[in-house]
Every structure is written in C-alpha cells, then in structure tokens.
Amino acid sequence: REIHFCYGHRLLEYDGKCRYLHGH
C-alpha cells in the first residue's frame, strides 16, 4: 500500500542542509 503525506524535520548535529527546518 502506498501512502502520501507531508512532513517537516531537521537533523541535529548534522553538517548539511538538513540541519535546518524544512519539509518533504
């Protein structure tokens, strides 16, 4: 079963763009 959803996150202690709040 395929399910679509929107979520945001960020990665602590990460040295890249994903250290900022963002969504998918």
mmCIF file of all heavy atoms, coordinates in Angstrom:
data_MODEL
# 
_entry.id   MODEL 
# 
loop_
_atom_site.group_PDB 
_atom_site.id 
_atom_site.type_symbol 
_atom_site.label_atom_id 
_atom_site.label_alt_id 
_atom_site.label_comp_id 
_atom_site.label_asym_id 
_atom_site.label_entity_id 
_atom_site.label_seq_id 
_atom_site.pdbx_PDB_ins_code 
_atom_site.Cartn_x 
_atom_site.Cartn_y 
_atom_site.Cartn_z 
_atom_site.occupancy 
_atom_site.B_iso_or_equiv 
_atom_site.pdbx_formal_charge 
_atom_site.auth_seq_id 
_atom_site.auth_comp_id 
_atom_site.auth_asym_id 
_atom_site.auth_atom_id 
_atom_site.pdbx_PDB_model_num 
ATOM 1   N N   . ARG A 1 1  ? 0.869  -1.183 0.000  1.00 0.00 ? 1  ARG A N   1 
ATOM 2   C CA  . ARG A 1 1  ? 0.000  0.000  0.000  1.00 0.00 ? 1  ARG A CA  1 
ATOM 3   C C   . ARG A 1 1  ? 0.902  1.227  0.000  1.00 0.00 ? 1  ARG A C   1 
ATOM 4   O O   . ARG A 1 1  ? 1.858  1.315  0.780  1.00 0.00 ? 1  ARG A O   1 
ATOM 5   C CB  . ARG A 1 1  ? -0.904 -0.001 1.236  1.00 0.00 ? 1  ARG A CB  1 
ATOM 6   C CG  . ARG A 1 1  ? -1.719 1.257  1.462  1.00 0.00 ? 1  ARG A CG  1 
ATOM 7   C CD  . ARG A 1 1  ? -2.855 1.371  0.479  1.00 0.00 ? 1  ARG A CD  1 
ATOM 8   N NE  . ARG A 1 1  ? -3.479 2.683  0.626  1.00 0.00 ? 1  ARG A NE  1 
ATOM 9   C CZ  . ARG A 1 1  ? -4.732 2.928  0.338  1.00 0.00 ? 1  ARG A CZ  1 
ATOM 10  N NH1 . ARG A 1 1  ? -5.509 1.969  -0.103 1.00 0.00 ? 1  ARG A NH1 1 
ATOM 11  N NH2 . ARG A 1 1  ? -5.218 4.127  0.477  1.00 0.00 ? 1  ARG A NH2 1 
ATOM 12  N N   . GLU A 1 2  ? 0.595  2.179  -0.856 1.00 0.00 ? 2  GLU A N   1 
ATOM 13  C CA  . GLU A 1 2  ? 1.345  3.431  -0.941 1.00 0.00 ? 2  GLU A CA  1 
ATOM 14  C C   . GLU A 1 2  ? 0.530  4.527  -0.263 1.00 0.00 ? 2  GLU A C   1 
ATOM 15  O O   . GLU A 1 2  ? -0.669 4.651  -0.496 1.00 0.00 ? 2  GLU A O   1 
ATOM 16  C CB  . GLU A 1 2  ? 1.548  3.757  -2.420 1.00 0.00 ? 2  GLU A CB  1 
ATOM 17  C CG  . GLU A 1 2  ? 2.432  4.930  -2.697 1.00 0.00 ? 2  GLU A CG  1 
ATOM 18  C CD  . GLU A 1 2  ? 2.645  5.095  -4.200 1.00 0.00 ? 2  GLU A CD  1 
ATOM 19  O OE1 . GLU A 1 2  ? 3.388  4.291  -4.787 1.00 0.00 ? 2  GLU A OE1 1 
ATOM 20  O OE2 . GLU A 1 2  ? 2.054  6.035  -4.766 1.00 0.00 ? 2  GLU A OE2 1 
ATOM 21  N N   . ILE A 1 3  ? 1.202  5.312  0.576  1.00 0.00 ? 3  ILE A N   1 
ATOM 22  C CA  . ILE A 1 3  ? 0.556  6.401  1.302  1.00 0.00 ? 3  ILE A CA  1 
ATOM 23  C C   . ILE A 1 3  ? 1.411  7.653  1.127  1.00 0.00 ? 3  ILE A C   1 
ATOM 24  O O   . ILE A 1 3  ? 2.621  7.605  1.304  1.00 0.00 ? 3  ILE A O   1 
ATOM 25  C CB  . ILE A 1 3  ? 0.414  6.065  2.808  1.00 0.00 ? 3  ILE A CB  1 
ATOM 26  C CG1 . ILE A 1 3  ? -0.459 4.816  2.986  1.00 0.00 ? 3  ILE A CG1 1 
ATOM 27  C CG2 . ILE A 1 3  ? -0.140 7.246  3.589  1.00 0.00 ? 3  ILE A CG2 1 
ATOM 28  C CD1 . ILE A 1 3  ? -0.439 4.241  4.388  1.00 0.00 ? 3  ILE A CD1 1 
ATOM 29  N N   . HIS A 1 4  ? 0.772  8.751  0.788  1.00 0.00 ? 4  HIS A N   1 
ATOM 30  C CA  . HIS A 1 4  ? 1.468  10.025 0.632  1.00 0.00 ? 4  HIS A CA  1 
ATOM 31  C C   . HIS A 1 4  ? 1.166  10.917 1.828  1.00 0.00 ? 4  HIS A C   1 
ATOM 32  O O   . HIS A 1 4  ? 0.033  10.950 2.315  1.00 0.00 ? 4  HIS A O   1 
ATOM 33  C CB  . HIS A 1 4  ? 1.018  10.720 -0.660 1.00 0.00 ? 4  HIS A CB  1 
ATOM 34  C CG  . HIS A 1 4  ? 1.413  9.980  -1.881 1.00 0.00 ? 4  HIS A CG  1 
ATOM 35  N ND1 . HIS A 1 4  ? 2.443  10.380 -2.687 1.00 0.00 ? 4  HIS A ND1 1 
ATOM 36  C CD2 . HIS A 1 4  ? 0.924  8.842  -2.442 1.00 0.00 ? 4  HIS A CD2 1 
ATOM 37  C CE1 . HIS A 1 4  ? 2.575  9.528  -3.690 1.00 0.00 ? 4  HIS A CE1 1 
ATOM 38  N NE2 . HIS A 1 4  ? 1.663  8.577  -3.565 1.00 0.00 ? 4  HIS A NE2 1 
ATOM 39  N N   . PHE A 1 5  ? 2.177  11.636 2.288  1.00 0.00 ? 5  PHE A N   1 
ATOM 40  C CA  . PHE A 1 5  ? 1.971  12.598 3.370  1.00 0.00 ? 5  PHE A CA  1 
ATOM 41  C C   . PHE A 1 5  ? 3.082  13.639 3.335  1.00 0.00 ? 5  PHE A C   1 
ATOM 42  O O   . PHE A 1 5  ? 4.124  13.436 2.720  1.00 0.00 ? 5  PHE A O   1 
ATOM 43  C CB  . PHE A 1 5  ? 1.907  11.904 4.741  1.00 0.00 ? 5  PHE A CB  1 
ATOM 44  C CG  . PHE A 1 5  ? 3.176  11.277 5.212  1.00 0.00 ? 5  PHE A CG  1 
ATOM 45  C CD1 . PHE A 1 5  ? 3.928  11.860 6.226  1.00 0.00 ? 5  PHE A CD1 1 
ATOM 46  C CD2 . PHE A 1 5  ? 3.631  10.071 4.677  1.00 0.00 ? 5  PHE A CD2 1 
ATOM 47  C CE1 . PHE A 1 5  ? 5.097  11.274 6.682  1.00 0.00 ? 5  PHE A CE1 1 
ATOM 48  C CE2 . PHE A 1 5  ? 4.805  9.486  5.130  1.00 0.00 ? 5  PHE A CE2 1 
ATOM 49  C CZ  . PHE A 1 5  ? 5.538  10.085 6.133  1.00 0.00 ? 5  PHE A CZ  1 
ATOM 50  N N   . CYS A 1 6  ? 2.818  14.768 3.957  1.00 0.00 ? 6  CYS A N   1 
ATOM 51  C CA  . CYS A 1 6  ? 3.789  15.852 4.029  1.00 0.00 ? 6  CYS A CA  1 
ATOM 52  C C   . CYS A 1 6  ? 4.300  15.944 5.458  1.00 0.00 ? 6  CYS A C   1 
ATOM 53  O O   . CYS A 1 6  ? 3.535  15.811 6.404  1.00 0.00 ? 6  CYS A O   1 
ATOM 54  C CB  . CYS A 1 6  ? 3.137  17.180 3.634  1.00 0.00 ? 6  CYS A CB  1 
ATOM 55  S SG  . CYS A 1 6  ? 2.485  17.178 1.951  1.00 0.00 ? 6  CYS A SG  1 
ATOM 56  N N   . TYR A 1 7  ? 5.591  16.166 5.584  1.00 0.00 ? 7  TYR A N   1 
ATOM 57  C CA  . TYR A 1 7  ? 6.157  16.286 6.923  1.00 0.00 ? 7  TYR A CA  1 
ATOM 58  C C   . TYR A 1 7  ? 7.367  17.207 6.875  1.00 0.00 ? 7  TYR A C   1 
ATOM 59  O O   . TYR A 1 7  ? 7.968  17.422 5.830  1.00 0.00 ? 7  TYR A O   1 
ATOM 60  C CB  . TYR A 1 7  ? 6.549  14.916 7.492  1.00 0.00 ? 7  TYR A CB  1 
ATOM 61  C CG  . TYR A 1 7  ? 7.714  14.249 6.800  1.00 0.00 ? 7  TYR A CG  1 
ATOM 62  C CD1 . TYR A 1 7  ? 8.993  14.312 7.348  1.00 0.00 ? 7  TYR A CD1 1 
ATOM 63  C CD2 . TYR A 1 7  ? 7.550  13.562 5.611  1.00 0.00 ? 7  TYR A CD2 1 
ATOM 64  C CE1 . TYR A 1 7  ? 10.067 13.699 6.715  1.00 0.00 ? 7  TYR A CE1 1 
ATOM 65  C CE2 . TYR A 1 7  ? 8.613  12.956 4.969  1.00 0.00 ? 7  TYR A CE2 1 
ATOM 66  C CZ  . TYR A 1 7  ? 9.871  13.028 5.526  1.00 0.00 ? 7  TYR A CZ  1 
ATOM 67  O OH  . TYR A 1 7  ? 10.941 12.438 4.896  1.00 0.00 ? 7  TYR A OH  1 
ATOM 68  N N   . GLY A 1 8  ? 7.702  17.745 8.034  1.00 0.00 ? 8  GLY A N   1 
ATOM 69  C CA  . GLY A 1 8  ? 8.896  18.551 8.163  1.00 0.00 ? 8  GLY A CA  1 
ATOM 70  C C   . GLY A 1 8  ? 9.814  17.909 9.181  1.00 0.00 ? 8  GLY A C   1 
ATOM 71  O O   . GLY A 1 8  ? 9.389  17.091 9.993  1.00 0.00 ? 8  GLY A O   1 
ATOM 72  N N   . HIS A 1 9  ? 11.079 18.282 9.133  1.00 0.00 ? 9  HIS A N   1 
ATOM 73  C CA  . HIS A 1 9  ? 12.036 17.790 10.114 1.00 0.00 ? 9  HIS A CA  1 
ATOM 74  C C   . HIS A 1 9  ? 13.318 18.601 10.015 1.00 0.00 ? 9  HIS A C   1 
ATOM 75  O O   . HIS A 1 9  ? 13.445 19.492 9.184  1.00 0.00 ? 9  HIS A O   1 
ATOM 76  C CB  . HIS A 1 9  ? 12.314 16.291 9.921  1.00 0.00 ? 9  HIS A CB  1 
ATOM 77  C CG  . HIS A 1 9  ? 13.103 15.939 8.700  1.00 0.00 ? 9  HIS A CG  1 
ATOM 78  N ND1 . HIS A 1 9  ? 13.888 14.822 8.626  1.00 0.00 ? 9  HIS A ND1 1 
ATOM 79  C CD2 . HIS A 1 9  ? 13.239 16.549 7.507  1.00 0.00 ? 9  HIS A CD2 1 
ATOM 80  C CE1 . HIS A 1 9  ? 14.474 14.744 7.442  1.00 0.00 ? 9  HIS A CE1 1 
ATOM 81  N NE2 . HIS A 1 9  ? 14.085 15.782 6.746  1.00 0.00 ? 9  HIS A NE2 1 
ATOM 82  N N   . ARG A 1 10 ? 14.234 18.283 10.886 1.00 0.00 ? 10 ARG A N   1 
ATOM 83  C CA  . ARG A 1 10 ? 15.602 18.741 10.769 1.00 0.00 ? 10 ARG A CA  1 
ATOM 84  C C   . ARG A 1 10 ? 16.467 17.750 11.533 1.00 0.00 ? 10 ARG A C   1 
ATOM 85  O O   . ARG A 1 10 ? 15.983 17.031 12.409 1.00 0.00 ? 10 ARG A O   1 
ATOM 86  C CB  . ARG A 1 10 ? 15.797 20.160 11.282 1.00 0.00 ? 10 ARG A CB  1 
ATOM 87  C CG  . ARG A 1 10 ? 15.812 20.314 12.781 1.00 0.00 ? 10 ARG A CG  1 
ATOM 88  C CD  . ARG A 1 10 ? 16.285 21.703 13.124 1.00 0.00 ? 10 ARG A CD  1 
ATOM 89  N NE  . ARG A 1 10 ? 16.126 22.031 14.528 1.00 0.00 ? 10 ARG A NE  1 
ATOM 90  C CZ  . ARG A 1 10 ? 16.433 23.195 15.013 1.00 0.00 ? 10 ARG A CZ  1 
ATOM 91  N NH1 . ARG A 1 10 ? 16.896 24.140 14.212 1.00 0.00 ? 10 ARG A NH1 1 
ATOM 92  N NH2 . ARG A 1 10 ? 16.281 23.442 16.293 1.00 0.00 ? 10 ARG A NH2 1 
ATOM 93  N N   . LEU A 1 11 ? 17.743 17.727 11.184 1.00 0.00 ? 11 LEU A N   1 
ATOM 94  C CA  . LEU A 1 11 ? 18.667 16.787 11.799 1.00 0.00 ? 11 LEU A CA  1 
ATOM 95  C C   . LEU A 1 11 ? 19.661 17.559 12.658 1.00 0.00 ? 11 LEU A C   1 
ATOM 96  O O   . LEU A 1 11 ? 20.414 18.392 12.151 1.00 0.00 ? 11 LEU A O   1 
ATOM 97  C CB  . LEU A 1 11 ? 19.407 15.981 10.727 1.00 0.00 ? 11 LEU A CB  1 
ATOM 98  C CG  . LEU A 1 11 ? 18.511 15.247 9.729  1.00 0.00 ? 11 LEU A CG  1 
ATOM 99  C CD1 . LEU A 1 11 ? 19.357 14.493 8.715  1.00 0.00 ? 11 LEU A CD1 1 
ATOM 100 C CD2 . LEU A 1 11 ? 17.538 14.325 10.428 1.00 0.00 ? 11 LEU A CD2 1 
ATOM 101 N N   . LEU A 1 12 ? 19.634 17.284 13.942 1.00 0.00 ? 12 LEU A N   1 
ATOM 102 C CA  . LEU A 1 12 ? 20.569 17.920 14.858 1.00 0.00 ? 12 LEU A CA  1 
ATOM 103 C C   . LEU A 1 12 ? 21.960 17.325 14.668 1.00 0.00 ? 12 LEU A C   1 
ATOM 104 O O   . LEU A 1 12 ? 22.104 16.145 14.332 1.00 0.00 ? 12 LEU A O   1 
ATOM 105 C CB  . LEU A 1 12 ? 20.113 17.719 16.305 1.00 0.00 ? 12 LEU A CB  1 
ATOM 106 C CG  . LEU A 1 12 ? 18.765 18.340 16.672 1.00 0.00 ? 12 LEU A CG  1 
ATOM 107 C CD1 . LEU A 1 12 ? 18.431 18.040 18.134 1.00 0.00 ? 12 LEU A CD1 1 
ATOM 108 C CD2 . LEU A 1 12 ? 18.741 19.833 16.412 1.00 0.00 ? 12 LEU A CD2 1 
ATOM 109 N N   . GLU A 1 13 ? 22.983 18.157 14.876 1.00 0.00 ? 13 GLU A N   1 
ATOM 110 C CA  . GLU A 1 13 ? 24.381 17.743 14.788 1.00 0.00 ? 13 GLU A CA  1 
ATOM 111 C C   . GLU A 1 13 ? 24.772 17.263 13.394 1.00 0.00 ? 13 GLU A C   1 
ATOM 112 O O   . GLU A 1 13 ? 25.689 16.455 13.232 1.00 0.00 ? 13 GLU A O   1 
ATOM 113 C CB  . GLU A 1 13 ? 24.694 16.670 15.841 1.00 0.00 ? 13 GLU A CB  1 
ATOM 114 C CG  . GLU A 1 13 ? 24.427 17.144 17.254 1.00 0.00 ? 13 GLU A CG  1 
ATOM 115 C CD  . GLU A 1 13 ? 24.172 16.009 18.227 1.00 0.00 ? 13 GLU A CD  1 
ATOM 116 O OE1 . GLU A 1 13 ? 24.363 14.844 17.861 1.00 0.00 ? 13 GLU A OE1 1 
ATOM 117 O OE2 . GLU A 1 13 ? 23.778 16.311 19.361 1.00 0.00 ? 13 GLU A OE2 1 
ATOM 118 N N   . TYR A 1 14 ? 24.045 17.743 12.387 1.00 0.00 ? 14 TYR A N   1 
ATOM 119 C CA  . TYR A 1 14 ? 24.304 17.359 11.000 1.00 0.00 ? 14 TYR A CA  1 
ATOM 120 C C   . TYR A 1 14 ? 24.928 18.546 10.279 1.00 0.00 ? 14 TYR A C   1 
ATOM 121 O O   . TYR A 1 14 ? 24.462 19.672 10.414 1.00 0.00 ? 14 TYR A O   1 
ATOM 122 C CB  . TYR A 1 14 ? 22.979 16.958 10.335 1.00 0.00 ? 14 TYR A CB  1 
ATOM 123 C CG  . TYR A 1 14 ? 23.115 16.551 8.892  1.00 0.00 ? 14 TYR A CG  1 
ATOM 124 C CD1 . TYR A 1 14 ? 23.645 15.313 8.563  1.00 0.00 ? 14 TYR A CD1 1 
ATOM 125 C CD2 . TYR A 1 14 ? 22.703 17.399 7.871  1.00 0.00 ? 14 TYR A CD2 1 
ATOM 126 C CE1 . TYR A 1 14 ? 23.763 14.931 7.233  1.00 0.00 ? 14 TYR A CE1 1 
ATOM 127 C CE2 . TYR A 1 14 ? 22.813 17.024 6.542  1.00 0.00 ? 14 TYR A CE2 1 
ATOM 128 C CZ  . TYR A 1 14 ? 23.352 15.797 6.233  1.00 0.00 ? 14 TYR A CZ  1 
ATOM 129 O OH  . TYR A 1 14 ? 23.465 15.407 4.925  1.00 0.00 ? 14 TYR A OH  1 
ATOM 130 N N   . ASP A 1 15 ? 25.986 18.308 9.514  1.00 0.00 ? 15 ASP A N   1 
ATOM 131 C CA  . ASP A 1 15 ? 26.666 19.376 8.799  1.00 0.00 ? 15 ASP A CA  1 
ATOM 132 C C   . ASP A 1 15 ? 26.247 19.372 7.335  1.00 0.00 ? 15 ASP A C   1 
ATOM 133 O O   . ASP A 1 15 ? 26.982 18.940 6.456  1.00 0.00 ? 15 ASP A O   1 
ATOM 134 C CB  . ASP A 1 15 ? 28.187 19.215 8.934  1.00 0.00 ? 15 ASP A CB  1 
ATOM 135 C CG  . ASP A 1 15 ? 28.934 20.410 8.369  1.00 0.00 ? 15 ASP A CG  1 
ATOM 136 O OD1 . ASP A 1 15 ? 28.343 21.510 8.312  1.00 0.00 ? 15 ASP A OD1 1 
ATOM 137 O OD2 . ASP A 1 15 ? 30.108 20.238 7.978  1.00 0.00 ? 15 ASP A OD2 1 
ATOM 138 N N   . GLY A 1 16 ? 25.035 19.827 7.093  1.00 0.00 ? 16 GLY A N   1 
ATOM 139 C CA  . GLY A 1 16 ? 24.494 19.874 5.742  1.00 0.00 ? 16 GLY A CA  1 
ATOM 140 C C   . GLY A 1 16 ? 23.181 20.630 5.769  1.00 0.00 ? 16 GLY A C   1 
ATOM 141 O O   . GLY A 1 16 ? 22.737 21.108 6.818  1.00 0.00 ? 16 GLY A O   1 
ATOM 142 N N   . LYS A 1 17 ? 22.528 20.715 4.616  1.00 0.00 ? 17 LYS A N   1 
ATOM 143 C CA  . LYS A 1 17 ? 21.286 21.492 4.527  1.00 0.00 ? 17 LYS A CA  1 
ATOM 144 C C   . LYS A 1 17 ? 20.188 20.972 5.444  1.00 0.00 ? 17 LYS A C   1 
ATOM 145 O O   . LYS A 1 17 ? 19.332 21.739 5.878  1.00 0.00 ? 17 LYS A O   1 
ATOM 146 C CB  . LYS A 1 17 ? 20.775 21.514 3.077  1.00 0.00 ? 17 LYS A CB  1 
ATOM 147 C CG  . LYS A 1 17 ? 21.646 22.310 2.142  1.00 0.00 ? 17 LYS A CG  1 
ATOM 148 C CD  . LYS A 1 17 ? 20.994 22.567 0.792  1.00 0.00 ? 17 LYS A CD  1 
ATOM 149 C CE  . LYS A 1 17 ? 20.679 21.302 0.038  1.00 0.00 ? 17 LYS A CE  1 
ATOM 150 N NZ  . LYS A 1 17 ? 20.150 21.555 -1.313 1.00 0.00 ? 17 LYS A NZ  1 
ATOM 151 N N   . CYS A 1 18 ? 20.185 19.707 5.739  1.00 0.00 ? 18 CYS A N   1 
ATOM 152 C CA  . CYS A 1 18 ? 19.116 19.126 6.559  1.00 0.00 ? 18 CYS A CA  1 
ATOM 153 C C   . CYS A 1 18 ? 19.206 19.516 8.032  1.00 0.00 ? 18 CYS A C   1 
ATOM 154 O O   . CYS A 1 18 ? 18.372 19.114 8.829  1.00 0.00 ? 18 CYS A O   1 
ATOM 155 C CB  . CYS A 1 18 ? 19.088 17.604 6.414  1.00 0.00 ? 18 CYS A CB  1 
ATOM 156 S SG  . CYS A 1 18 ? 18.522 17.082 4.784  1.00 0.00 ? 18 CYS A SG  1 
ATOM 157 N N   . ARG A 1 19 ? 20.188 20.332 8.382  1.00 0.00 ? 19 ARG A N   1 
ATOM 158 C CA  . ARG A 1 19 ? 20.242 20.816 9.769  1.00 0.00 ? 19 ARG A CA  1 
ATOM 159 C C   . ARG A 1 19 ? 19.215 21.922 9.994  1.00 0.00 ? 19 ARG A C   1 
ATOM 160 O O   . ARG A 1 19 ? 18.931 22.293 11.122 1.00 0.00 ? 19 ARG A O   1 
ATOM 161 C CB  . ARG A 1 19 ? 21.647 21.299 10.110 1.00 0.00 ? 19 ARG A CB  1 
ATOM 162 C CG  . ARG A 1 19 ? 22.055 22.577 9.435  1.00 0.00 ? 19 ARG A CG  1 
ATOM 163 C CD  . ARG A 1 19 ? 23.469 22.997 9.868  1.00 0.00 ? 19 ARG A CD  1 
ATOM 164 N NE  . ARG A 1 19 ? 23.918 24.152 9.154  1.00 0.00 ? 19 ARG A NE  1 
ATOM 165 C CZ  . ARG A 1 19 ? 24.826 24.147 8.185  1.00 0.00 ? 19 ARG A CZ  1 
ATOM 166 N NH1 . ARG A 1 19 ? 25.377 23.010 7.815  1.00 0.00 ? 19 ARG A NH1 1 
ATOM 167 N NH2 . ARG A 1 19 ? 25.191 25.253 7.600  1.00 0.00 ? 19 ARG A NH2 1 
ATOM 168 N N   . TYR A 1 20 ? 18.642 22.452 8.915  1.00 0.00 ? 20 TYR A N   1 
ATOM 169 C CA  . TYR A 1 20 ? 17.632 23.491 9.002  1.00 0.00 ? 20 TYR A CA  1 
ATOM 170 C C   . TYR A 1 20 ? 16.230 22.884 8.932  1.00 0.00 ? 20 TYR A C   1 
ATOM 171 O O   . TYR A 1 20 ? 16.025 21.851 8.291  1.00 0.00 ? 20 TYR A O   1 
ATOM 172 C CB  . TYR A 1 20 ? 17.800 24.500 7.861  1.00 0.00 ? 20 TYR A CB  1 
ATOM 173 C CG  . TYR A 1 20 ? 19.166 25.126 7.821  1.00 0.00 ? 20 TYR A CG  1 
ATOM 174 C CD1 . TYR A 1 20 ? 20.035 24.856 6.781  1.00 0.00 ? 20 TYR A CD1 1 
ATOM 175 C CD2 . TYR A 1 20 ? 19.592 25.977 8.836  1.00 0.00 ? 20 TYR A CD2 1 
ATOM 176 C CE1 . TYR A 1 20 ? 21.299 25.431 6.736  1.00 0.00 ? 20 TYR A CE1 1 
ATOM 177 C CE2 . TYR A 1 20 ? 20.856 26.553 8.808  1.00 0.00 ? 20 TYR A CE2 1 
ATOM 178 C CZ  . TYR A 1 20 ? 21.699 26.274 7.757  1.00 0.00 ? 20 TYR A CZ  1 
ATOM 179 O OH  . TYR A 1 20 ? 22.947 26.835 7.729  1.00 0.00 ? 20 TYR A OH  1 
ATOM 180 N N   . LEU A 1 21 ? 15.269 23.547 9.558  1.00 0.00 ? 21 LEU A N   1 
ATOM 181 C CA  . LEU A 1 21 ? 13.877 23.112 9.454  1.00 0.00 ? 21 LEU A CA  1 
ATOM 182 C C   . LEU A 1 21 ? 13.467 23.166 7.980  1.00 0.00 ? 21 LEU A C   1 
ATOM 183 O O   . LEU A 1 21 ? 13.688 24.169 7.305  1.00 0.00 ? 21 LEU A O   1 
ATOM 184 C CB  . LEU A 1 21 ? 12.968 24.018 10.279 1.00 0.00 ? 21 LEU A CB  1 
ATOM 185 C CG  . LEU A 1 21 ? 13.166 23.988 11.791 1.00 0.00 ? 21 LEU A CG  1 
ATOM 186 C CD1 . LEU A 1 21 ? 12.364 25.110 12.444 1.00 0.00 ? 21 LEU A CD1 1 
ATOM 187 C CD2 . LEU A 1 21 ? 12.769 22.641 12.367 1.00 0.00 ? 21 LEU A CD2 1 
ATOM 188 N N   . HIS A 1 22 ? 12.896 22.080 7.506  1.00 0.00 ? 22 HIS A N   1 
ATOM 189 C CA  . HIS A 1 22 ? 12.459 22.006 6.109  1.00 0.00 ? 22 HIS A CA  1 
ATOM 190 C C   . HIS A 1 22 ? 11.410 20.907 5.979  1.00 0.00 ? 22 HIS A C   1 
ATOM 191 O O   . HIS A 1 22 ? 11.161 20.167 6.917  1.00 0.00 ? 22 HIS A O   1 
ATOM 192 C CB  . HIS A 1 22 ? 13.646 21.738 5.171  1.00 0.00 ? 22 HIS A CB  1 
ATOM 193 C CG  . HIS A 1 22 ? 14.284 20.411 5.379  1.00 0.00 ? 22 HIS A CG  1 
ATOM 194 N ND1 . HIS A 1 22 ? 15.111 20.132 6.452  1.00 0.00 ? 22 HIS A ND1 1 
ATOM 195 C CD2 . HIS A 1 22 ? 14.198 19.256 4.659  1.00 0.00 ? 22 HIS A CD2 1 
ATOM 196 C CE1 . HIS A 1 22 ? 15.525 18.885 6.367  1.00 0.00 ? 22 HIS A CE1 1 
ATOM 197 N NE2 . HIS A 1 22 ? 14.973 18.319 5.287  1.00 0.00 ? 22 HIS A NE2 1 
ATOM 198 N N   . GLY A 1 23 ? 10.794 20.821 4.812  1.00 0.00 ? 23 GLY A N   1 
ATOM 199 C CA  . GLY A 1 23 ? 9.724  19.849 4.630  1.00 0.00 ? 23 GLY A CA  1 
ATOM 200 C C   . GLY A 1 23 ? 9.913  18.963 3.419  1.00 0.00 ? 23 GLY A C   1 
ATOM 201 O O   . GLY A 1 23 ? 10.734 19.237 2.541  1.00 0.00 ? 23 GLY A O   1 
ATOM 202 N N   . HIS A 1 24 ? 9.122  17.889 3.403  1.00 0.00 ? 24 HIS A N   1 
ATOM 203 C CA  . HIS A 1 24 ? 9.141  16.918 2.310  1.00 0.00 ? 24 HIS A CA  1 
ATOM 204 C C   . HIS A 1 24 ? 7.728  16.491 1.954  1.00 0.00 ? 24 HIS A C   1 
ATOM 205 O O   . HIS A 1 24 ? 6.844  16.445 2.817  1.00 0.00 ? 24 HIS A O   1 
ATOM 206 C CB  . HIS A 1 24 ? 9.902  15.644 2.720  1.00 0.00 ? 24 HIS A CB  1 
ATOM 207 C CG  . HIS A 1 24 ? 11.355 15.857 2.950  1.00 0.00 ? 24 HIS A CG  1 
ATOM 208 N ND1 . HIS A 1 24 ? 12.261 15.982 1.934  1.00 0.00 ? 24 HIS A ND1 1 
ATOM 209 C CD2 . HIS A 1 24 ? 12.064 15.976 4.104  1.00 0.00 ? 24 HIS A CD2 1 
ATOM 210 C CE1 . HIS A 1 24 ? 13.464 16.157 2.444  1.00 0.00 ? 24 HIS A CE1 1 
ATOM 211 N NE2 . HIS A 1 24 ? 13.375 16.160 3.759  1.00 0.00 ? 24 HIS A NE2 1 
# 
